[in-house]
Amino acid sequence: MSREDPQFKLRMTEALRDRIAESAKANGRSMNAELIARLEMSFDIETEHALSNRIETKFESLMQVFERVIASDPKFAMQMAVAVNPEAYRKASSNGRTKISKKRAL
């Protein structure tokens, strides 16, 4: 940053100023650099949050499609169960909890 960059007057409580000063010292920055870093980080967090929401929405849509496919094809559902967690399948089948044999499922 240079002296030619836009400047902005900011009022804050003495307590907040002290916290910023402590944080700046701990991070080896000036108070101005600390404030800039924290402001930039807040925008990064907003971007990450928006991306996370988009991923979650897409995942939920994908799960709905996947659930419809599984509901319409029990054999596929068993194949997926075995593929995702073969140990759980083995435990369930050894306890007699599954009606479809592993051989039939594959």
PDB file of N, CA and C in Angstrom:
ATOM      1  N   MET A   1       0.836  -1.175   0.000  1.00  0.00           N
ATOM      2  CA  MET A   1       0.000   0.000   0.000  1.00  0.00           C
ATOM      3  C   MET A   1       0.889   1.249   0.000  1.00  0.00           C
ATOM      4  N   SER A   2       0.397   2.246  -0.641  1.00  0.00           N
ATOM      5  CA  SER A   2       1.149   3.500  -0.683  1.00  0.00           C
ATOM      6  C   SER A   2       0.329   4.614  -0.049  1.00  0.00           C
ATOM      7  N   ARG A   3       0.970   5.720   0.148  1.00  0.00           N
ATOM      8  CA  ARG A   3       0.296   6.883   0.724  1.00  0.00           C
ATOM      9  C   ARG A   3      -0.762   7.438  -0.225  1.00  0.00           C
ATOM     10  N   GLU A   4      -0.685   7.032  -1.501  1.00  0.00           N
ATOM     11  CA  GLU A   4      -1.639   7.517  -2.496  1.00  0.00           C
ATOM     12  C   GLU A   4      -2.933   6.715  -2.497  1.00  0.00           C
ATOM     13  N   ASP A   5      -2.946   5.550  -1.813  1.00  0.00           N
ATOM     14  CA  ASP A   5      -4.175   4.760  -1.725  1.00  0.00           C
ATOM     15  C   ASP A   5      -5.223   5.557  -0.957  1.00  0.00           C
ATOM     16  N   PRO A   6      -6.495   5.300  -1.242  1.00  0.00           N
ATOM     17  CA  PRO A   6      -7.561   6.027  -0.531  1.00  0.00           C
ATOM     18  C   PRO A   6      -7.453   5.814   0.980  1.00  0.00           C
ATOM     19  N   GLN A   7      -7.775   6.841   1.714  1.00  0.00           N
ATOM     20  CA  GLN A   7      -7.755   6.756   3.167  1.00  0.00           C
ATOM     21  C   GLN A   7      -9.183   6.842   3.692  1.00  0.00           C
ATOM     22  N   PHE A   8      -9.370   6.322   4.898  1.00  0.00           N
ATOM     23  CA  PHE A   8     -10.704   6.259   5.487  1.00  0.00           C
ATOM     24  C   PHE A   8     -10.571   6.508   6.980  1.00  0.00           C
ATOM     25  N   LYS A   9     -11.304   7.473   7.484  1.00  0.00           N
ATOM     26  CA  LYS A   9     -11.302   7.727   8.921  1.00  0.00           C
ATOM     27  C   LYS A   9     -12.240   6.739   9.590  1.00  0.00           C
ATOM     28  N   LEU A  10     -11.816   6.232  10.733  1.00  0.00           N
ATOM     29  CA  LEU A  10     -12.611   5.223  11.423  1.00  0.00           C
ATOM     30  C   LEU A  10     -12.638   5.522  12.917  1.00  0.00           C
ATOM     31  N   ARG A  11     -13.830   5.531  13.471  1.00  0.00           N
ATOM     32  CA  ARG A  11     -13.964   5.691  14.921  1.00  0.00           C
ATOM     33  C   ARG A  11     -14.199   4.305  15.516  1.00  0.00           C
ATOM     34  N   MET A  12     -13.559   4.082  16.664  1.00  0.00           N
ATOM     35  CA  MET A  12     -13.734   2.802  17.364  1.00  0.00           C
ATOM     36  C   MET A  12     -13.518   3.028  18.841  1.00  0.00           C
ATOM     37  N   THR A  13     -13.961   2.078  19.619  1.00  0.00           N
ATOM     38  CA  THR A  13     -13.757   2.185  21.064  1.00  0.00           C
ATOM     39  C   THR A  13     -12.277   1.959  21.377  1.00  0.00           C
ATOM     40  N   GLU A  14     -11.892   2.448  22.516  1.00  0.00           N
ATOM     41  CA  GLU A  14     -10.507   2.259  22.967  1.00  0.00           C
ATOM     42  C   GLU A  14     -10.222   0.762  23.145  1.00  0.00           C
ATOM     43  N   ALA A  15     -11.202   0.032  23.645  1.00  0.00           N
ATOM     44  CA  ALA A  15     -11.026  -1.409  23.861  1.00  0.00           C
ATOM     45  C   ALA A  15     -10.768  -2.134  22.538  1.00  0.00           C
ATOM     46  N   LEU A  16     -11.524  -1.761  21.494  1.00  0.00           N
ATOM     47  CA  LEU A  16     -11.318  -2.394  20.187  1.00  0.00           C
ATOM     48  C   LEU A  16      -9.952  -2.013  19.635  1.00  0.00           C
ATOM     49  N   ARG A  17      -9.586  -0.749  19.782  1.00  0.00           N
ATOM     50  CA  ARG A  17      -8.272  -0.314  19.311  1.00  0.00           C
ATOM     51  C   ARG A  17      -7.167  -1.120  19.992  1.00  0.00           C
ATOM     52  N   ASP A  18      -7.301  -1.354  21.289  1.00  0.00           N
ATOM     53  CA  ASP A  18      -6.300  -2.135  22.025  1.00  0.00           C
ATOM     54  C   ASP A  18      -6.231  -3.570  21.510  1.00  0.00           C
ATOM     55  N   ARG A  19      -7.383  -4.151  21.228  1.00  0.00           N
ATOM     56  CA  ARG A  19      -7.403  -5.525  20.701  1.00  0.00           C
ATOM     57  C   ARG A  19      -6.710  -5.593  19.341  1.00  0.00           C
ATOM     58  N   ILE A  20      -6.983  -4.608  18.496  1.00  0.00           N
ATOM     59  CA  ILE A  20      -6.353  -4.569  17.170  1.00  0.00           C
ATOM     60  C   ILE A  20      -4.842  -4.405  17.318  1.00  0.00           C
ATOM     61  N   ALA A  21      -4.430  -3.527  18.224  1.00  0.00           N
ATOM     62  CA  ALA A  21      -2.999  -3.305  18.455  1.00  0.00           C
ATOM     63  C   ALA A  21      -2.321  -4.587  18.926  1.00  0.00           C
ATOM     64  N   GLU A  22      -2.957  -5.316  19.844  1.00  0.00           N
ATOM     65  CA  GLU A  22      -2.394  -6.584  20.338  1.00  0.00           C
ATOM     66  C   GLU A  22      -2.295  -7.606  19.213  1.00  0.00           C
ATOM     67  N   SER A  23      -3.341  -7.713  18.432  1.00  0.00           N
ATOM     68  CA  SER A  23      -3.355  -8.664  17.320  1.00  0.00           C
ATOM     69  C   SER A  23      -2.307  -8.293  16.276  1.00  0.00           C
ATOM     70  N   ALA A  24      -2.181  -7.018  15.980  1.00  0.00           N
ATOM     71  CA  ALA A  24      -1.187  -6.565  14.999  1.00  0.00           C
ATOM     72  C   ALA A  24       0.218  -6.910  15.482  1.00  0.00           C
ATOM     73  N   LYS A  25       0.485  -6.672  16.749  1.00  0.00           N
ATOM     74  CA  LYS A  25       1.800  -6.987  17.307  1.00  0.00           C
ATOM     75  C   LYS A  25       2.070  -8.491  17.232  1.00  0.00           C
ATOM     76  N   ALA A  26       1.078  -9.293  17.591  1.00  0.00           N
ATOM     77  CA  ALA A  26       1.238 -10.753  17.560  1.00  0.00           C
ATOM     78  C   ALA A  26       1.484 -11.260  16.140  1.00  0.00           C
ATOM     79  N   ASN A  27       0.906 -10.587  15.153  1.00  0.00           N
ATOM     80  CA  ASN A  27       1.056 -11.002  13.760  1.00  0.00           C
ATOM     81  C   ASN A  27       2.189 -10.278  13.038  1.00  0.00           C
ATOM     82  N   GLY A  28       2.906  -9.417  13.749  1.00  0.00           N
ATOM     83  CA  GLY A  28       4.033  -8.706  13.162  1.00  0.00           C
ATOM     84  C   GLY A  28       3.626  -7.720  12.074  1.00  0.00           C
ATOM     85  N   ARG A  29       2.499  -7.054  12.289  1.00  0.00           N
ATOM     86  CA  ARG A  29       1.996  -6.102  11.300  1.00  0.00           C
ATOM     87  C   ARG A  29       1.692  -4.774  11.971  1.00  0.00           C
ATOM     88  N   SER A  30       1.543  -3.752  11.144  1.00  0.00           N
ATOM     89  CA  SER A  30       1.054  -2.469  11.647  1.00  0.00           C
ATOM     90  C   SER A  30      -0.437  -2.623  11.912  1.00  0.00           C
ATOM     91  N   MET A  31      -1.001  -1.690  12.635  1.00  0.00           N
ATOM     92  CA  MET A  31      -2.450  -1.733  12.875  1.00  0.00           C
ATOM     93  C   MET A  31      -3.210  -1.616  11.563  1.00  0.00           C
ATOM     94  N   ASN A  32      -2.731  -0.767  10.676  1.00  0.00           N
ATOM     95  CA  ASN A  32      -3.385  -0.612   9.381  1.00  0.00           C
ATOM     96  C   ASN A  32      -3.361  -1.947   8.617  1.00  0.00           C
ATOM     97  N   ALA A  33      -2.201  -2.599   8.574  1.00  0.00           N
ATOM     98  CA  ALA A  33      -2.086  -3.878   7.868  1.00  0.00           C
ATOM     99  C   ALA A  33      -2.975  -4.942   8.518  1.00  0.00           C
ATOM    100  N   GLU A  34      -3.070  -4.886   9.832  1.00  0.00           N
ATOM    101  CA  GLU A  34      -3.932  -5.841  10.540  1.00  0.00           C
ATOM    102  C   GLU A  34      -5.395  -5.635  10.165  1.00  0.00           C
ATOM    103  N   LEU A  35      -5.826  -4.373  10.140  1.00  0.00           N
ATOM    104  CA  LEU A  35      -7.210  -4.081   9.755  1.00  0.00           C
ATOM    105  C   LEU A  35      -7.485  -4.513   8.317  1.00  0.00           C
ATOM    106  N   ILE A  36      -6.567  -4.227   7.399  1.00  0.00           N
ATOM    107  CA  ILE A  36      -6.734  -4.623   5.998  1.00  0.00           C
ATOM    108  C   ILE A  36      -6.809  -6.147   5.880  1.00  0.00           C
ATOM    109  N   ALA A  37      -5.915  -6.850   6.569  1.00  0.00           N
ATOM    110  CA  ALA A  37      -5.911  -8.314   6.517  1.00  0.00           C
ATOM    111  C   ALA A  37      -7.225  -8.885   7.027  1.00  0.00           C
ATOM    112  N   ARG A  38      -7.728  -8.321   8.114  1.00  0.00           N
ATOM    113  CA  ARG A  38      -8.993  -8.818   8.675  1.00  0.00           C
ATOM    114  C   ARG A  38     -10.184  -8.503   7.776  1.00  0.00           C
ATOM    115  N   LEU A  39     -10.184  -7.348   7.163  1.00  0.00           N
ATOM    116  CA  LEU A  39     -11.261  -7.014   6.224  1.00  0.00           C
ATOM    117  C   LEU A  39     -11.224  -7.954   5.014  1.00  0.00           C
ATOM    118  N   GLU A  40     -10.044  -8.156   4.458  1.00  0.00           N
ATOM    119  CA  GLU A  40      -9.930  -9.059   3.303  1.00  0.00           C
ATOM    120  C   GLU A  40     -10.358 -10.473   3.673  1.00  0.00           C
ATOM    121  N   MET A  41      -9.983 -10.925   4.873  1.00  0.00           N
ATOM    122  CA  MET A  41     -10.369 -12.260   5.320  1.00  0.00           C
ATOM    123  C   MET A  41     -11.892 -12.393   5.416  1.00  0.00           C
ATOM    124  N   SER A  42     -12.568 -11.322   5.826  1.00  0.00           N
ATOM    125  CA  SER A  42     -14.028 -11.392   5.939  1.00  0.00           C
ATOM    126  C   SER A  42     -14.670 -11.607   4.562  1.00  0.00           C
ATOM    127  N   PHE A  43     -14.096 -11.027   3.519  1.00  0.00           N
ATOM    128  CA  PHE A  43     -14.626 -11.242   2.170  1.00  0.00           C
ATOM    129  C   PHE A  43     -14.327 -12.668   1.703  1.00  0.00           C
ATOM    130  N   ASP A  44     -13.162 -13.189   2.054  1.00  0.00           N
ATOM    131  CA  ASP A  44     -12.821 -14.573   1.708  1.00  0.00           C
ATOM    132  C   ASP A  44     -13.808 -15.537   2.361  1.00  0.00           C
ATOM    133  N   ILE A  45     -14.159 -15.259   3.607  1.00  0.00           N
ATOM    134  CA  ILE A  45     -15.105 -16.114   4.329  1.00  0.00           C
ATOM    135  C   ILE A  45     -16.470 -16.085   3.643  1.00  0.00           C
ATOM    136  N   GLU A  46     -16.911 -14.895   3.220  1.00  0.00           N
ATOM    137  CA  GLU A  46     -18.190 -14.784   2.502  1.00  0.00           C
ATOM    138  C   GLU A  46     -18.156 -15.617   1.223  1.00  0.00           C
ATOM    139  N   THR A  47     -17.063 -15.542   0.481  1.00  0.00           N
ATOM    140  CA  THR A  47     -16.925 -16.299  -0.762  1.00  0.00           C
ATOM    141  C   THR A  47     -16.946 -17.798  -0.481  1.00  0.00           C
ATOM    142  N   GLU A  48     -16.207 -18.221   0.548  1.00  0.00           N
ATOM    143  CA  GLU A  48     -16.184 -19.636   0.918  1.00  0.00           C
ATOM    144  C   GLU A  48     -17.564 -20.108   1.351  1.00  0.00           C
ATOM    145  N   HIS A  49     -18.285 -19.274   2.077  1.00  0.00           N
ATOM    146  CA  HIS A  49     -19.627 -19.624   2.545  1.00  0.00           C
ATOM    147  C   HIS A  49     -20.582 -19.796   1.353  1.00  0.00           C
ATOM    148  N   ALA A  50     -20.499 -18.877   0.389  1.00  0.00           N
ATOM    149  CA  ALA A  50     -21.357 -18.968  -0.795  1.00  0.00           C
ATOM    150  C   ALA A  50     -21.036 -20.235  -1.582  1.00  0.00           C
ATOM    151  N   LEU A  51     -19.754 -20.542  -1.731  1.00  0.00           N
ATOM    152  CA  LEU A  51     -19.345 -21.756  -2.445  1.00  0.00           C
ATOM    153  C   LEU A  51     -19.822 -22.998  -1.707  1.00  0.00           C
ATOM    154  N   SER A  52     -19.700 -22.985  -0.400  1.00  0.00           N
ATOM    155  CA  SER A  52     -20.152 -24.110   0.414  1.00  0.00           C
ATOM    156  C   SER A  52     -21.656 -24.333   0.250  1.00  0.00           C
ATOM    157  N   ASN A  53     -22.427 -23.246   0.229  1.00  0.00           N
ATOM    158  CA  ASN A  53     -23.879 -23.361   0.033  1.00  0.00           C
ATOM    159  C   ASN A  53     -24.205 -23.951  -1.332  1.00  0.00           C
ATOM    160  N   ARG A  54     -23.477 -23.521  -2.374  1.00  0.00           N
ATOM    161  CA  ARG A  54     -23.724 -24.054  -3.717  1.00  0.00           C
ATOM    162  C   ARG A  54     -23.394 -25.544  -3.772  1.00  0.00           C
ATOM    163  N   ILE A  55     -22.301 -25.948  -3.151  1.00  0.00           N
ATOM    164  CA  ILE A  55     -21.920 -27.357  -3.132  1.00  0.00           C
ATOM    165  C   ILE A  55     -22.965 -28.170  -2.381  1.00  0.00           C
ATOM    166  N   GLU A  56     -23.422 -27.654  -1.248  1.00  0.00           N
ATOM    167  CA  GLU A  56     -24.434 -28.356  -0.449  1.00  0.00           C
ATOM    168  C   GLU A  56     -25.726 -28.535  -1.241  1.00  0.00           C
ATOM    169  N   THR A  57     -26.145 -27.515  -1.963  1.00  0.00           N
ATOM    170  CA  THR A  57     -27.364 -27.594  -2.774  1.00  0.00           C
ATOM    171  C   THR A  57     -27.212 -28.648  -3.866  1.00  0.00           C
ATOM    172  N   LYS A  58     -26.063 -28.637  -4.542  1.00  0.00           N
ATOM    173  CA  LYS A  58     -25.815 -29.629  -5.603  1.00  0.00           C
ATOM    174  C   LYS A  58     -25.780 -31.034  -5.015  1.00  0.00           C
ATOM    175  N   PHE A  59     -25.147 -31.188  -3.849  1.00  0.00           N
ATOM    176  CA  PHE A  59     -25.071 -32.494  -3.208  1.00  0.00           C
ATOM    177  C   PHE A  59     -26.464 -33.007  -2.845  1.00  0.00           C
ATOM    178  N   GLU A  60     -27.312 -32.132  -2.306  1.00  0.00           N
ATOM    179  CA  GLU A  60     -28.675 -32.533  -1.951  1.00  0.00           C
ATOM    180  C   GLU A  60     -29.451 -32.977  -3.190  1.00  0.00           C
ATOM    181  N   SER A  61     -29.285 -32.268  -4.299  1.00  0.00           N
ATOM    182  CA  SER A  61     -29.952 -32.657  -5.548  1.00  0.00           C
ATOM    183  C   SER A  61     -29.460 -34.014  -6.015  1.00  0.00           C
ATOM    184  N   LEU A  62     -28.160 -34.210  -5.939  1.00  0.00           N
ATOM    185  CA  LEU A  62     -27.568 -35.482  -6.346  1.00  0.00           C
ATOM    186  C   LEU A  62     -28.061 -36.627  -5.470  1.00  0.00           C
ATOM    187  N   MET A  63     -28.183 -36.372  -4.174  1.00  0.00           N
ATOM    188  CA  MET A  63     -28.676 -37.407  -3.259  1.00  0.00           C
ATOM    189  C   MET A  63     -30.128 -37.770  -3.566  1.00  0.00           C
ATOM    190  N   GLN A  64     -30.938 -36.801  -3.954  1.00  0.00           N
ATOM    191  CA  GLN A  64     -32.325 -37.088  -4.306  1.00  0.00           C
ATOM    192  C   GLN A  64     -32.389 -37.991  -5.532  1.00  0.00           C
ATOM    193  N   VAL A  65     -31.568 -37.710  -6.528  1.00  0.00           N
ATOM    194  CA  VAL A  65     -31.519 -38.559  -7.723  1.00  0.00           C
ATOM    195  C   VAL A  65     -31.042 -39.952  -7.331  1.00  0.00           C
ATOM    196  N   PHE A  66     -29.988 -40.018  -6.534  1.00  0.00           N
ATOM    197  CA  PHE A  66     -29.433 -41.293  -6.102  1.00  0.00           C
ATOM    198  C   PHE A  66     -30.470 -42.107  -5.327  1.00  0.00           C
ATOM    199  N   GLU A  67     -31.223 -41.461  -4.444  1.00  0.00           N
ATOM    200  CA  GLU A  67     -32.250 -42.161  -3.669  1.00  0.00           C
ATOM    201  C   GLU A  67     -33.350 -42.716  -4.572  1.00  0.00           C
ATOM    202  N   ARG A  68     -33.716 -41.966  -5.627  1.00  0.00           N
ATOM    203  CA  ARG A  68     -34.724 -42.481  -6.565  1.00  0.00           C
ATOM    204  C   ARG A  68     -34.191 -43.696  -7.313  1.00  0.00           C
ATOM    205  N   VAL A  69     -32.933 -43.657  -7.710  1.00  0.00           N
ATOM    206  CA  VAL A  69     -32.334 -44.795  -8.424  1.00  0.00           C
ATOM    207  C   VAL A  69     -32.295 -46.015  -7.518  1.00  0.00           C
ATOM    208  N   ILE A  70     -31.870 -45.826  -6.285  1.00  0.00           N
ATOM    209  CA  ILE A  70     -31.799 -46.944  -5.334  1.00  0.00           C
ATOM    210  C   ILE A  70     -33.185 -47.525  -5.076  1.00  0.00           C
ATOM    211  N   ALA A  71     -34.180 -46.662  -4.923  1.00  0.00           N
ATOM    212  CA  ALA A  71     -35.543 -47.134  -4.656  1.00  0.00           C
ATOM    213  C   ALA A  71     -36.082 -47.939  -5.828  1.00  0.00           C
ATOM    214  N   SER A  72     -35.665 -47.602  -7.039  1.00  0.00           N
ATOM    215  CA  SER A  72     -36.191 -48.297  -8.211  1.00  0.00           C
ATOM    216  C   SER A  72     -35.404 -49.563  -8.553  1.00  0.00           C
ATOM    217  N   ASP A  73     -34.234 -49.769  -7.936  1.00  0.00           N
ATOM    218  CA  ASP A  73     -33.398 -50.927  -8.288  1.00  0.00           C
ATOM    219  C   ASP A  73     -32.728 -51.494  -7.036  1.00  0.00           C
ATOM    220  N   PRO A  74     -33.397 -52.430  -6.337  1.00  0.00           N
ATOM    221  CA  PRO A  74     -32.843 -52.994  -5.103  1.00  0.00           C
ATOM    222  C   PRO A  74     -31.477 -53.666  -5.304  1.00  0.00           C
ATOM    223  N   LYS A  75     -31.272 -54.283  -6.461  1.00  0.00           N
ATOM    224  CA  LYS A  75     -29.985 -54.943  -6.727  1.00  0.00           C
ATOM    225  C   LYS A  75     -28.860 -53.895  -6.748  1.00  0.00           C
ATOM    226  N   PHE A  76     -29.117 -52.775  -7.410  1.00  0.00           N
ATOM    227  CA  PHE A  76     -28.137 -51.688  -7.442  1.00  0.00           C
ATOM    228  C   PHE A  76     -27.899 -51.154  -6.037  1.00  0.00           C
ATOM    229  N   ALA A  77     -28.973 -51.037  -5.253  1.00  0.00           N
ATOM    230  CA  ALA A  77     -28.850 -50.547  -3.883  1.00  0.00           C
ATOM    231  C   ALA A  77     -27.920 -51.436  -3.077  1.00  0.00           C
ATOM    232  N   MET A  78     -28.057 -52.752  -3.244  1.00  0.00           N
ATOM    233  CA  MET A  78     -27.195 -53.680  -2.521  1.00  0.00           C
ATOM    234  C   MET A  78     -25.751 -53.564  -3.003  1.00  0.00           C
ATOM    235  N   GLN A  79     -25.560 -53.436  -4.306  1.00  0.00           N
ATOM    236  CA  GLN A  79     -24.198 -53.270  -4.836  1.00  0.00           C
ATOM    237  C   GLN A  79     -23.543 -52.022  -4.252  1.00  0.00           C
ATOM    238  N   MET A  80     -24.314 -50.937  -4.165  1.00  0.00           N
ATOM    239  CA  MET A  80     -23.770 -49.706  -3.614  1.00  0.00           C
ATOM    240  C   MET A  80     -23.456 -49.871  -2.131  1.00  0.00           C
ATOM    241  N   ALA A  81     -24.318 -50.548  -1.396  1.00  0.00           N
ATOM    242  CA  ALA A  81     -24.080 -50.764   0.032  1.00  0.00           C
ATOM    243  C   ALA A  81     -22.797 -51.551   0.246  1.00  0.00           C
ATOM    244  N   VAL A  82     -22.608 -52.581  -0.553  1.00  0.00           N
ATOM    245  CA  VAL A  82     -21.395 -53.408  -0.446  1.00  0.00           C
ATOM    246  C   VAL A  82     -20.168 -52.576  -0.826  1.00  0.00           C
ATOM    247  N   ALA A  83     -20.282 -51.782  -1.890  1.00  0.00           N
ATOM    248  CA  ALA A  83     -19.149 -50.974  -2.344  1.00  0.00           C
ATOM    249  C   ALA A  83     -18.768 -49.901  -1.333  1.00  0.00           C
ATOM    250  N   VAL A  84     -19.772 -49.273  -0.727  1.00  0.00           N
ATOM    251  CA  VAL A  84     -19.510 -48.177   0.202  1.00  0.00           C
ATOM    252  C   VAL A  84     -18.971 -48.686   1.531  1.00  0.00           C
ATOM    253  N   ASN A  85     -19.542 -49.779   2.042  1.00  0.00           N
ATOM    254  CA  ASN A  85     -19.127 -50.263   3.357  1.00  0.00           C
ATOM    255  C   ASN A  85     -19.182 -51.792   3.396  1.00  0.00           C
ATOM    256  N   PRO A  86     -18.192 -52.451   2.786  1.00  0.00           N
ATOM    257  CA  PRO A  86     -18.218 -53.912   2.735  1.00  0.00           C
ATOM    258  C   PRO A  86     -18.208 -54.563   4.114  1.00  0.00           C
ATOM    259  N   GLU A  87     -17.526 -53.953   5.091  1.00  0.00           N
ATOM    260  CA  GLU A  87     -17.465 -54.539   6.435  1.00  0.00           C
ATOM    261  C   GLU A  87     -18.845 -54.542   7.098  1.00  0.00           C
ATOM    262  N   ALA A  88     -19.582 -53.464   6.955  1.00  0.00           N
ATOM    263  CA  ALA A  88     -20.932 -53.410   7.520  1.00  0.00           C
ATOM    264  C   ALA A  88     -21.819 -54.449   6.848  1.00  0.00           C
ATOM    265  N   TYR A  89     -21.649 -54.634   5.534  1.00  0.00           N
ATOM    266  CA  TYR A  89     -22.430 -55.640   4.825  1.00  0.00           C
ATOM    267  C   TYR A  89     -22.109 -57.033   5.373  1.00  0.00           C
ATOM    268  N   ARG A  90     -20.813 -57.318   5.562  1.00  0.00           N
ATOM    269  CA  ARG A  90     -20.421 -58.644   6.077  1.00  0.00           C
ATOM    270  C   ARG A  90     -21.013 -58.889   7.461  1.00  0.00           C
ATOM    271  N   LYS A  91     -20.975 -57.867   8.318  1.00  0.00           N
ATOM    272  CA  LYS A  91     -21.543 -58.013   9.664  1.00  0.00           C
ATOM    273  C   LYS A  91     -23.042 -58.265   9.593  1.00  0.00           C
ATOM    274  N   ALA A  92     -23.746 -57.509   8.754  1.00  0.00           N
ATOM    275  CA  ALA A  92     -25.195 -57.674   8.629  1.00  0.00           C
ATOM    276  C   ALA A  92     -25.539 -59.051   8.082  1.00  0.00           C
ATOM    277  N   SER A  93     -24.799 -59.506   7.077  1.00  0.00           N
ATOM    278  CA  SER A  93     -25.123 -60.796   6.478  1.00  0.00           C
ATOM    279  C   SER A  93     -24.759 -61.947   7.417  1.00  0.00           C
ATOM    280  N   SER A  94     -23.722 -61.782   8.230  1.00  0.00           N
ATOM    281  CA  SER A  94     -23.361 -62.848   9.171  1.00  0.00           C
ATOM    282  C   SER A  94     -24.362 -62.929  10.323  1.00  0.00           C
ATOM    283  N   ASN A  95     -25.081 -61.838  10.577  1.00  0.00           N
ATOM    284  CA  ASN A  95     -26.122 -61.828  11.614  1.00  0.00           C
ATOM    285  C   ASN A  95     -27.492 -62.171  11.040  1.00  0.00           C
ATOM    286  N   GLY A  96     -27.540 -62.484   9.762  1.00  0.00           N
ATOM    287  CA  GLY A  96     -28.804 -62.829   9.123  1.00  0.00           C
ATOM    288  C   GLY A  96     -29.707 -61.636   8.885  1.00  0.00           C
ATOM    289  N   ARG A  97     -29.148 -60.430   8.803  1.00  0.00           N
ATOM    290  CA  ARG A  97     -29.960 -59.223   8.653  1.00  0.00           C
ATOM    291  C   ARG A  97     -30.234 -58.859   7.204  1.00  0.00           C
ATOM    292  N   THR A  98     -29.659 -59.564   6.266  1.00  0.00           N
ATOM    293  CA  THR A  98     -29.885 -59.228   4.873  1.00  0.00           C
ATOM    294  C   THR A  98     -30.491 -60.429   4.156  1.00  0.00           C
ATOM    295  N   LYS A  99     -31.426 -60.170   3.262  1.00  0.00           N
ATOM    296  CA  LYS A  99     -32.101 -61.240   2.545  1.00  0.00           C
ATOM    297  C   LYS A  99     -31.431 -61.519   1.203  1.00  0.00           C
ATOM    298  N   ILE A 100     -30.643 -60.589   0.706  1.00  0.00           N
ATOM    299  CA  ILE A 100     -30.004 -60.750  -0.590  1.00  0.00           C
ATOM    300  C   ILE A 100     -28.567 -61.170  -0.361  1.00  0.00           C
ATOM    301  N   SER A 101     -28.166 -62.264  -0.963  1.00  0.00           N
ATOM    302  CA  SER A 101     -26.792 -62.732  -0.784  1.00  0.00           C
ATOM    303  C   SER A 101     -25.849 -61.826  -1.538  1.00  0.00           C
ATOM    304  N   LYS A 102     -24.608 -61.793  -1.099  1.00  0.00           N
ATOM    305  CA  LYS A 102     -23.605 -60.954  -1.735  1.00  0.00           C
ATOM    306  C   LYS A 102     -23.435 -61.386  -3.194  1.00  0.00           C
ATOM    307  N   LYS A 103     -23.489 -62.687  -3.439  1.00  0.00           N
ATOM    308  CA  LYS A 103     -23.335 -63.208  -4.795  1.00  0.00           C
ATOM    309  C   LYS A 103     -24.426 -62.660  -5.702  1.00  0.00           C
ATOM    310  N   ARG A 104     -25.674 -62.678  -5.233  1.00  0.00           N
ATOM    311  CA  ARG A 104     -26.796 -62.165  -6.037  1.00  0.00           C
ATOM    312  C   ARG A 104     -26.687 -60.661  -6.240  1.00  0.00           C
ATOM    313  N   ALA A 105     -26.185 -59.965  -5.223  1.00  0.00           N
ATOM    314  CA  ALA A 105     -26.104 -58.505  -5.301  1.00  0.00           C
ATOM    315  C   ALA A 105     -25.105 -58.074  -6.358  1.00  0.00           C
ATOM    316  N   LEU A 106     -24.041 -58.846  -6.535  1.00  0.00           N
ATOM    317  CA  LEU A 106     -23.031 -58.491  -7.526  1.00  0.00           C
ATOM    318  C   LEU A 106     -23.433 -59.021  -8.870  1.00  0.00           C
TER     319      LEU A 106
END
